[in-house]
């Protein structure tokens, strides 16, 4: 299953970015959004950063994802 979720960019290098996604550090491609910087909030899907978002939108989306998982359980 592929989940689209908000994440925070922790580091950026020539090969992509390290993001904090659901409490875990993960690698993500910056091919679609190469201008991301440390501290940005982003949407990640299938290991790829799709867009930059602001912090309030990230918080809203994170809460919506949690709620969706809670309803499935």
C-alpha atoms as a PDB file:
ATOM      1  CA  UNK A   1       0.000   0.000   0.000  1.00  0.00           C
ATOM      2  CA  UNK A   2       1.240   3.469  -0.844  1.00  0.00           C
ATOM      3  CA  UNK A   3       0.443   6.210   1.617  1.00  0.00           C
ATOM      4  CA  UNK A   4       0.602   9.881   0.789  1.00  0.00           C
ATOM      5  CA  UNK A   5       1.512  11.811   3.931  1.00  0.00           C
ATOM      6  CA  UNK A   6       3.096  15.020   5.204  1.00  0.00           C
ATOM      7  CA  UNK A   7       6.741  14.947   6.287  1.00  0.00           C
ATOM      8  CA  UNK A   8       9.434  17.354   7.478  1.00  0.00           C
ATOM      9  CA  UNK A   9      12.704  17.631   5.544  1.00  0.00           C
ATOM     10  CA  UNK A  10      15.668  16.896   7.827  1.00  0.00           C
ATOM     11  CA  UNK A  11      18.519  16.878   5.295  1.00  0.00           C
ATOM     12  CA  UNK A  12      19.065  17.306   1.569  1.00  0.00           C
ATOM     13  CA  UNK A  13      21.935  15.942  -0.505  1.00  0.00           C
ATOM     14  CA  UNK A  14      22.743  15.240  -4.151  1.00  0.00           C
ATOM     15  CA  UNK A  15      20.754  11.991  -4.095  1.00  0.00           C
ATOM     16  CA  UNK A  16      17.546  13.173  -2.400  1.00  0.00           C
ATOM     17  CA  UNK A  17      16.320  14.066   1.073  1.00  0.00           C
ATOM     18  CA  UNK A  18      15.942  12.563   4.507  1.00  0.00           C
ATOM     19  CA  UNK A  19      12.472  13.259   5.868  1.00  0.00           C
ATOM     20  CA  UNK A  20      10.712  12.650   9.162  1.00  0.00           C
ATOM     21  CA  UNK A  21       7.567  10.741   8.232  1.00  0.00           C
ATOM     22  CA  UNK A  22       5.266   9.369  10.916  1.00  0.00           C
ATOM     23  CA  UNK A  23       8.017   9.537  13.524  1.00  0.00           C
ATOM     24  CA  UNK A  24      10.615   7.744  11.371  1.00  0.00           C
ATOM     25  CA  UNK A  25      13.464   8.986   9.236  1.00  0.00           C
ATOM     26  CA  UNK A  26      13.101   7.912   5.617  1.00  0.00           C
ATOM     27  CA  UNK A  27      14.736   8.706   2.288  1.00  0.00           C
ATOM     28  CA  UNK A  28      12.710  10.487  -0.382  1.00  0.00           C
ATOM     29  CA  UNK A  29      13.430  11.490  -3.950  1.00  0.00           C
ATOM     30  CA  UNK A  30      13.620  15.199  -4.741  1.00  0.00           C
ATOM     31  CA  UNK A  31      13.294  14.673  -8.491  1.00  0.00           C
ATOM     32  CA  UNK A  32       9.849  16.332  -8.678  1.00  0.00           C
ATOM     33  CA  UNK A  33      10.637  19.171  -6.239  1.00  0.00           C
ATOM     34  CA  UNK A  34      14.413  19.707  -6.345  1.00  0.00           C
ATOM     35  CA  UNK A  35      14.232  23.061  -4.528  1.00  0.00           C
ATOM     36  CA  UNK A  36      13.257  21.598  -1.116  1.00  0.00           C
ATOM     37  CA  UNK A  37      15.349  22.737   1.823  1.00  0.00           C
ATOM     38  CA  UNK A  38      15.891  21.587   5.398  1.00  0.00           C
ATOM     39  CA  UNK A  39      12.868  22.470   7.509  1.00  0.00           C
ATOM     40  CA  UNK A  40      10.334  22.386   4.661  1.00  0.00           C
ATOM     41  CA  UNK A  41       7.054  20.539   5.109  1.00  0.00           C
ATOM     42  CA  UNK A  42       6.325  18.316   2.130  1.00  0.00           C
ATOM     43  CA  UNK A  43       3.917  15.716   0.788  1.00  0.00           C
ATOM     44  CA  UNK A  44       5.583  12.333   0.202  1.00  0.00           C
ATOM     45  CA  UNK A  45       4.101   9.503  -1.851  1.00  0.00           C
ATOM     46  CA  UNK A  46       5.837   6.307  -2.936  1.00  0.00           C
ATOM     47  CA  UNK A  47       9.158   7.642  -1.682  1.00  0.00           C
ATOM     48  CA  UNK A  48       8.946  10.851  -3.717  1.00  0.00           C
ATOM     49  CA  UNK A  49       8.413  14.417  -2.525  1.00  0.00           C
ATOM     50  CA  UNK A  50       5.474  15.716  -4.566  1.00  0.00           C
ATOM     51  CA  UNK A  51       5.046  19.255  -3.244  1.00  0.00           C
ATOM     52  CA  UNK A  52       5.931  21.711  -0.507  1.00  0.00           C
ATOM     53  CA  UNK A  53       3.204  22.694   1.967  1.00  0.00           C
ATOM     54  CA  UNK A  54       2.963  24.988   4.982  1.00  0.00           C
ATOM     55  CA  UNK A  55       2.958  23.822   8.611  1.00  0.00           C
ATOM     56  CA  UNK A  56      -0.793  24.282   9.259  1.00  0.00           C
ATOM     57  CA  UNK A  57      -1.626  22.183   6.190  1.00  0.00           C
ATOM     58  CA  UNK A  58       0.860  19.526   7.317  1.00  0.00           C
ATOM     59  CA  UNK A  59      -0.753  19.365  10.762  1.00  0.00           C
ATOM     60  CA  UNK A  60      -4.237  19.096   9.253  1.00  0.00           C
ATOM     61  CA  UNK A  61      -3.203  16.314   6.867  1.00  0.00           C
ATOM     62  CA  UNK A  62      -1.370  14.386   9.607  1.00  0.00           C
ATOM     63  CA  UNK A  63      -4.507  14.487  11.774  1.00  0.00           C
ATOM     64  CA  UNK A  64      -6.662  13.344   8.843  1.00  0.00           C
ATOM     65  CA  UNK A  65      -4.341  10.395   8.140  1.00  0.00           C
ATOM     66  CA  UNK A  66      -4.401   9.365  11.821  1.00  0.00           C
ATOM     67  CA  UNK A  67      -8.183   9.575  11.875  1.00  0.00           C
ATOM     68  CA  UNK A  68      -8.495   7.474   8.721  1.00  0.00           C
ATOM     69  CA  UNK A  69      -6.301   4.748  10.235  1.00  0.00           C
ATOM     70  CA  UNK A  70      -8.231   4.855  13.483  1.00  0.00           C
ATOM     71  CA  UNK A  71     -11.520   4.345  11.624  1.00  0.00           C
ATOM     72  CA  UNK A  72     -10.103   1.326   9.752  1.00  0.00           C
ATOM     73  CA  UNK A  73      -9.117  -0.436  12.988  1.00  0.00           C
END
